[in-house]
Amino acid sequence: MRYGIALSILFVAAALESGGDALVRAGLHSSTVTARAMFLVAGAAVLFVYGYVVNTPPWDFGRLLGVYVALFFVVAQLISWIAFGQRPTPAILVGGGFILIGGYIVSRG
């Protein structure tokens, strides 16, 4: 599998996992039973699609895992900021820098 295609699939997977987690979080904190149920069902569906997307391709996931973790970090921070108004702290940014460096090293190994 070409690196660009694998990177695209991993980005979609990171968006699905982060988005599904955000939906579950929104459901857990919803004020009405209906909203809670809708968010939780939607989160479960999105997380199922994530599992399918990330496990279907025939790739060496161990090698691409570092790239995936780096993508997941970036997407999760964006969703946290946009959906929940939680800006990353300096400690999160420094730790995230290490995650990105680690993802780069693992992808080259």
N, C-alpha and C. Protein backbone atom coordinates (compact mmCIF):
# COMPACT_ATOMS: atom_id res chain seq x y z
N MET A 1 0.85 -1.17 0.00
CA MET A 1 0.00 0.00 0.00
C MET A 1 0.90 1.24 0.00
N ARG A 2 0.55 2.18 -0.86
CA ARG A 2 1.33 3.40 -0.93
C ARG A 2 1.19 4.20 0.35
N TYR A 3 2.26 4.93 0.70
CA TYR A 3 2.31 5.68 1.95
C TYR A 3 1.22 6.74 2.00
N GLY A 4 0.96 7.43 0.89
CA GLY A 4 -0.06 8.48 0.86
C GLY A 4 -1.45 7.94 1.14
N ILE A 5 -1.75 6.77 0.58
CA ILE A 5 -3.06 6.16 0.81
C ILE A 5 -3.16 5.71 2.27
N ALA A 6 -2.11 5.09 2.77
CA ALA A 6 -2.10 4.65 4.17
C ALA A 6 -2.26 5.84 5.10
N LEU A 7 -1.58 6.94 4.81
CA LEU A 7 -1.69 8.14 5.64
C LEU A 7 -3.11 8.70 5.62
N SER A 8 -3.74 8.68 4.46
CA SER A 8 -5.13 9.15 4.34
C SER A 8 -6.07 8.28 5.16
N ILE A 9 -5.90 6.97 5.08
CA ILE A 9 -6.75 6.06 5.85
C ILE A 9 -6.53 6.27 7.34
N LEU A 10 -5.28 6.45 7.75
CA LEU A 10 -4.99 6.68 9.16
C LEU A 10 -5.58 8.00 9.64
N PHE A 11 -5.57 9.02 8.80
CA PHE A 11 -6.17 10.31 9.17
C PHE A 11 -7.68 10.14 9.36
N VAL A 12 -8.32 9.43 8.44
CA VAL A 12 -9.77 9.18 8.58
C VAL A 12 -10.03 8.39 9.86
N ALA A 13 -9.21 7.39 10.13
CA ALA A 13 -9.38 6.58 11.34
C ALA A 13 -9.22 7.45 12.60
N ALA A 14 -8.23 8.33 12.60
CA ALA A 14 -8.02 9.21 13.75
C ALA A 14 -9.22 10.14 13.94
N ALA A 15 -9.75 10.65 12.84
CA ALA A 15 -10.93 11.52 12.94
C ALA A 15 -12.14 10.74 13.46
N LEU A 16 -12.30 9.51 12.99
CA LEU A 16 -13.42 8.69 13.46
C LEU A 16 -13.28 8.35 14.95
N GLU A 17 -12.08 7.96 15.36
CA GLU A 17 -11.90 7.59 16.77
C GLU A 17 -12.08 8.80 17.68
N SER A 18 -11.46 9.92 17.33
CA SER A 18 -11.61 11.13 18.14
C SER A 18 -13.05 11.62 18.13
N GLY A 19 -13.68 11.59 16.97
CA GLY A 19 -15.06 12.04 16.86
C GLY A 19 -16.02 11.14 17.62
N GLY A 20 -15.80 9.83 17.53
CA GLY A 20 -16.64 8.89 18.28
C GLY A 20 -16.50 9.08 19.77
N ASP A 21 -15.26 9.29 20.22
CA ASP A 21 -15.03 9.55 21.65
C ASP A 21 -15.73 10.85 22.07
N ALA A 22 -15.67 11.87 21.22
CA ALA A 22 -16.33 13.14 21.53
C ALA A 22 -17.84 12.97 21.62
N LEU A 23 -18.41 12.17 20.74
CA LEU A 23 -19.86 11.92 20.79
C LEU A 23 -20.24 11.18 22.08
N VAL A 24 -19.44 10.20 22.46
CA VAL A 24 -19.72 9.48 23.72
C VAL A 24 -19.61 10.45 24.90
N ARG A 25 -18.60 11.29 24.89
CA ARG A 25 -18.44 12.26 25.97
C ARG A 25 -19.64 13.20 26.03
N ALA A 26 -20.08 13.68 24.86
CA ALA A 26 -21.25 14.56 24.82
C ALA A 26 -22.48 13.83 25.35
N GLY A 27 -22.62 12.55 25.02
CA GLY A 27 -23.74 11.77 25.51
C GLY A 27 -23.72 11.60 27.01
N LEU A 28 -22.55 11.35 27.55
CA LEU A 28 -22.44 11.16 29.00
C LEU A 28 -22.78 12.43 29.77
N HIS A 29 -22.59 13.58 29.14
CA HIS A 29 -22.83 14.85 29.82
C HIS A 29 -24.10 15.55 29.35
N SER A 30 -24.92 14.88 28.55
CA SER A 30 -26.18 15.47 28.08
C SER A 30 -27.19 15.56 29.21
N SER A 31 -28.05 16.55 29.10
CA SER A 31 -29.01 16.79 30.18
C SER A 31 -30.30 16.01 30.02
N THR A 32 -30.61 15.56 28.81
CA THR A 32 -31.86 14.80 28.62
C THR A 32 -31.54 13.37 28.22
N VAL A 33 -32.45 12.48 28.53
CA VAL A 33 -32.26 11.07 28.20
C VAL A 33 -32.21 10.87 26.69
N THR A 34 -33.05 11.59 25.97
CA THR A 34 -33.09 11.45 24.51
C THR A 34 -31.76 11.88 23.89
N ALA A 35 -31.26 13.04 24.29
CA ALA A 35 -29.98 13.51 23.77
C ALA A 35 -28.86 12.55 24.14
N ARG A 36 -28.89 12.09 25.39
CA ARG A 36 -27.87 11.15 25.85
C ARG A 36 -27.87 9.90 24.97
N ALA A 37 -29.04 9.34 24.74
CA ALA A 37 -29.15 8.11 23.94
C ALA A 37 -28.69 8.35 22.51
N MET A 38 -29.09 9.48 21.93
CA MET A 38 -28.69 9.75 20.54
C MET A 38 -27.19 9.91 20.40
N PHE A 39 -26.57 10.66 21.32
CA PHE A 39 -25.11 10.83 21.27
C PHE A 39 -24.39 9.51 21.49
N LEU A 40 -24.84 8.71 22.45
CA LEU A 40 -24.18 7.44 22.73
C LEU A 40 -24.31 6.47 21.56
N VAL A 41 -25.47 6.39 20.95
CA VAL A 41 -25.66 5.51 19.79
C VAL A 41 -24.80 5.99 18.62
N ALA A 42 -24.80 7.31 18.39
CA ALA A 42 -23.97 7.85 17.31
C ALA A 42 -22.49 7.58 17.58
N GLY A 43 -22.06 7.77 18.82
CA GLY A 43 -20.66 7.50 19.18
C GLY A 43 -20.29 6.04 18.96
N ALA A 44 -21.19 5.14 19.36
CA ALA A 44 -20.93 3.71 19.16
C ALA A 44 -20.82 3.39 17.67
N ALA A 45 -21.68 3.97 16.86
CA ALA A 45 -21.65 3.71 15.41
C ALA A 45 -20.34 4.24 14.80
N VAL A 46 -19.95 5.44 15.18
CA VAL A 46 -18.72 6.02 14.64
C VAL A 46 -17.51 5.21 15.09
N LEU A 47 -17.49 4.76 16.33
CA LEU A 47 -16.36 3.95 16.80
C LEU A 47 -16.31 2.59 16.12
N PHE A 48 -17.48 2.03 15.78
CA PHE A 48 -17.49 0.79 15.01
C PHE A 48 -16.89 1.01 13.63
N VAL A 49 -17.27 2.11 12.97
CA VAL A 49 -16.72 2.42 11.64
C VAL A 49 -15.21 2.62 11.75
N TYR A 50 -14.76 3.29 12.81
CA TYR A 50 -13.31 3.44 13.04
C TYR A 50 -12.63 2.08 13.08
N GLY A 51 -13.17 1.16 13.87
CA GLY A 51 -12.58 -0.17 13.98
C GLY A 51 -12.50 -0.88 12.64
N TYR A 52 -13.53 -0.70 11.83
CA TYR A 52 -13.54 -1.32 10.51
C TYR A 52 -12.48 -0.69 9.60
N VAL A 53 -12.45 0.65 9.58
CA VAL A 53 -11.52 1.37 8.70
C VAL A 53 -10.07 1.06 9.05
N VAL A 54 -9.75 1.03 10.34
CA VAL A 54 -8.35 0.85 10.73
C VAL A 54 -7.88 -0.60 10.61
N ASN A 55 -8.81 -1.56 10.63
CA ASN A 55 -8.40 -2.96 10.61
C ASN A 55 -8.59 -3.65 9.27
N THR A 56 -9.23 -3.02 8.31
CA THR A 56 -9.47 -3.64 7.01
C THR A 56 -8.24 -3.68 6.10
N PRO A 57 -7.45 -2.60 5.99
CA PRO A 57 -6.32 -2.61 5.06
C PRO A 57 -5.26 -3.65 5.44
N PRO A 58 -4.60 -4.22 4.44
CA PRO A 58 -3.52 -5.19 4.70
C PRO A 58 -2.18 -4.48 4.89
N TRP A 59 -1.98 -3.91 6.06
CA TRP A 59 -0.75 -3.17 6.28
C TRP A 59 -0.04 -3.64 7.54
N ASP A 60 1.20 -3.19 7.66
CA ASP A 60 1.98 -3.45 8.86
C ASP A 60 1.60 -2.37 9.88
N PHE A 61 0.54 -2.64 10.62
CA PHE A 61 0.00 -1.62 11.51
C PHE A 61 1.00 -1.23 12.59
N GLY A 62 1.86 -2.18 13.00
CA GLY A 62 2.86 -1.86 14.01
C GLY A 62 3.78 -0.74 13.55
N ARG A 63 4.14 -0.75 12.29
CA ARG A 63 5.01 0.29 11.75
C ARG A 63 4.27 1.62 11.62
N LEU A 64 3.01 1.54 11.21
CA LEU A 64 2.24 2.76 11.00
C LEU A 64 1.62 3.29 12.30
N LEU A 65 1.73 2.52 13.38
CA LEU A 65 1.11 2.93 14.63
C LEU A 65 1.65 4.26 15.13
N GLY A 66 2.93 4.52 14.98
CA GLY A 66 3.50 5.79 15.41
C GLY A 66 2.89 6.96 14.67
N VAL A 67 2.69 6.80 13.37
CA VAL A 67 2.05 7.84 12.58
C VAL A 67 0.61 8.02 13.04
N TYR A 68 -0.07 6.89 13.30
CA TYR A 68 -1.46 6.95 13.73
C TYR A 68 -1.58 7.69 15.07
N VAL A 69 -0.72 7.37 16.01
CA VAL A 69 -0.77 8.02 17.32
C VAL A 69 -0.55 9.52 17.18
N ALA A 70 0.37 9.93 16.31
CA ALA A 70 0.62 11.35 16.08
C ALA A 70 -0.61 12.01 15.46
N LEU A 71 -1.21 11.37 14.46
CA LEU A 71 -2.43 11.92 13.86
C LEU A 71 -3.57 11.99 14.86
N PHE A 72 -3.71 10.93 15.66
CA PHE A 72 -4.76 10.91 16.67
C PHE A 72 -4.58 12.07 17.65
N PHE A 73 -3.35 12.31 18.08
CA PHE A 73 -3.10 13.41 19.00
C PHE A 73 -3.55 14.74 18.41
N VAL A 74 -3.15 15.01 17.18
CA VAL A 74 -3.48 16.29 16.55
C VAL A 74 -5.00 16.43 16.39
N VAL A 75 -5.66 15.41 15.86
CA VAL A 75 -7.11 15.47 15.65
C VAL A 75 -7.84 15.58 16.99
N ALA A 76 -7.41 14.84 18.00
CA ALA A 76 -8.07 14.89 19.31
C ALA A 76 -7.94 16.28 19.93
N GLN A 77 -6.79 16.91 19.78
CA GLN A 77 -6.61 18.25 20.33
C GLN A 77 -7.50 19.26 19.60
N LEU A 78 -7.61 19.12 18.29
CA LEU A 78 -8.49 20.01 17.53
C LEU A 78 -9.95 19.85 17.94
N ILE A 79 -10.39 18.61 18.09
CA ILE A 79 -11.78 18.36 18.50
C ILE A 79 -12.00 18.88 19.92
N SER A 80 -11.05 18.67 20.80
CA SER A 80 -11.16 19.15 22.17
C SER A 80 -11.31 20.67 22.20
N TRP A 81 -10.54 21.33 21.36
CA TRP A 81 -10.57 22.79 21.31
C TRP A 81 -11.87 23.29 20.68
N ILE A 82 -12.24 22.72 19.53
CA ILE A 82 -13.41 23.19 18.80
C ILE A 82 -14.72 22.79 19.48
N ALA A 83 -14.83 21.52 19.86
CA ALA A 83 -16.11 21.02 20.39
C ALA A 83 -16.31 21.32 21.87
N PHE A 84 -15.23 21.36 22.63
CA PHE A 84 -15.37 21.50 24.08
C PHE A 84 -14.71 22.77 24.64
N GLY A 85 -14.11 23.57 23.76
CA GLY A 85 -13.50 24.82 24.19
C GLY A 85 -12.28 24.65 25.09
N GLN A 86 -11.62 23.51 25.00
CA GLN A 86 -10.45 23.23 25.83
C GLN A 86 -9.17 23.41 25.01
N ARG A 87 -8.54 24.55 25.19
CA ARG A 87 -7.29 24.82 24.47
C ARG A 87 -6.17 23.98 25.07
N PRO A 88 -5.25 23.51 24.22
CA PRO A 88 -4.13 22.73 24.76
C PRO A 88 -3.22 23.60 25.62
N THR A 89 -2.81 23.05 26.74
CA THR A 89 -1.90 23.76 27.65
C THR A 89 -0.47 23.65 27.12
N PRO A 90 0.43 24.45 27.65
CA PRO A 90 1.84 24.31 27.24
C PRO A 90 2.38 22.89 27.46
N ALA A 91 1.99 22.25 28.55
CA ALA A 91 2.46 20.88 28.80
C ALA A 91 1.94 19.93 27.73
N ILE A 92 0.70 20.10 27.33
CA ILE A 92 0.14 19.24 26.27
C ILE A 92 0.87 19.50 24.96
N LEU A 93 1.17 20.74 24.66
CA LEU A 93 1.88 21.05 23.42
C LEU A 93 3.30 20.47 23.42
N VAL A 94 3.99 20.55 24.55
CA VAL A 94 5.34 19.97 24.63
C VAL A 94 5.26 18.45 24.50
N GLY A 95 4.36 17.83 25.26
CA GLY A 95 4.18 16.39 25.15
C GLY A 95 3.77 15.98 23.75
N GLY A 96 2.90 16.77 23.14
CA GLY A 96 2.49 16.50 21.76
C GLY A 96 3.64 16.60 20.78
N GLY A 97 4.56 17.52 21.05
CA GLY A 97 5.76 17.61 20.21
C GLY A 97 6.55 16.31 20.26
N PHE A 98 6.67 15.74 21.45
CA PHE A 98 7.36 14.46 21.58
C PHE A 98 6.60 13.34 20.86
N ILE A 99 5.27 13.38 20.93
CA ILE A 99 4.46 12.38 20.22
C ILE A 99 4.71 12.50 18.71
N LEU A 100 4.73 13.72 18.19
CA LEU A 100 4.96 13.91 16.76
C LEU A 100 6.36 13.45 16.35
N ILE A 101 7.35 13.76 17.17
CA ILE A 101 8.71 13.30 16.89
C ILE A 101 8.77 11.77 16.91
N GLY A 102 8.13 11.17 17.91
CA GLY A 102 8.09 9.71 17.98
C GLY A 102 7.41 9.08 16.78
N GLY A 103 6.31 9.70 16.34
CA GLY A 103 5.62 9.20 15.15
C GLY A 103 6.51 9.24 13.93
N TYR A 104 7.28 10.32 13.81
CA TYR A 104 8.21 10.44 12.68
C TYR A 104 9.28 9.35 12.76
N ILE A 105 9.84 9.14 13.93
CA ILE A 105 10.91 8.14 14.09
C ILE A 105 10.39 6.74 13.78
N VAL A 106 9.22 6.40 14.32
CA VAL A 106 8.66 5.07 14.08
C VAL A 106 8.34 4.86 12.61
N SER A 107 7.85 5.89 11.94
CA SER A 107 7.49 5.74 10.53
C SER A 107 8.72 5.55 9.64
N ARG A 108 9.86 5.97 10.09
CA ARG A 108 11.09 5.84 9.30
C ARG A 108 11.86 4.56 9.61
N GLY A 109 11.45 3.85 10.68
CA GLY A 109 12.18 2.68 11.14
C GLY A 109 11.96 1.43 10.43
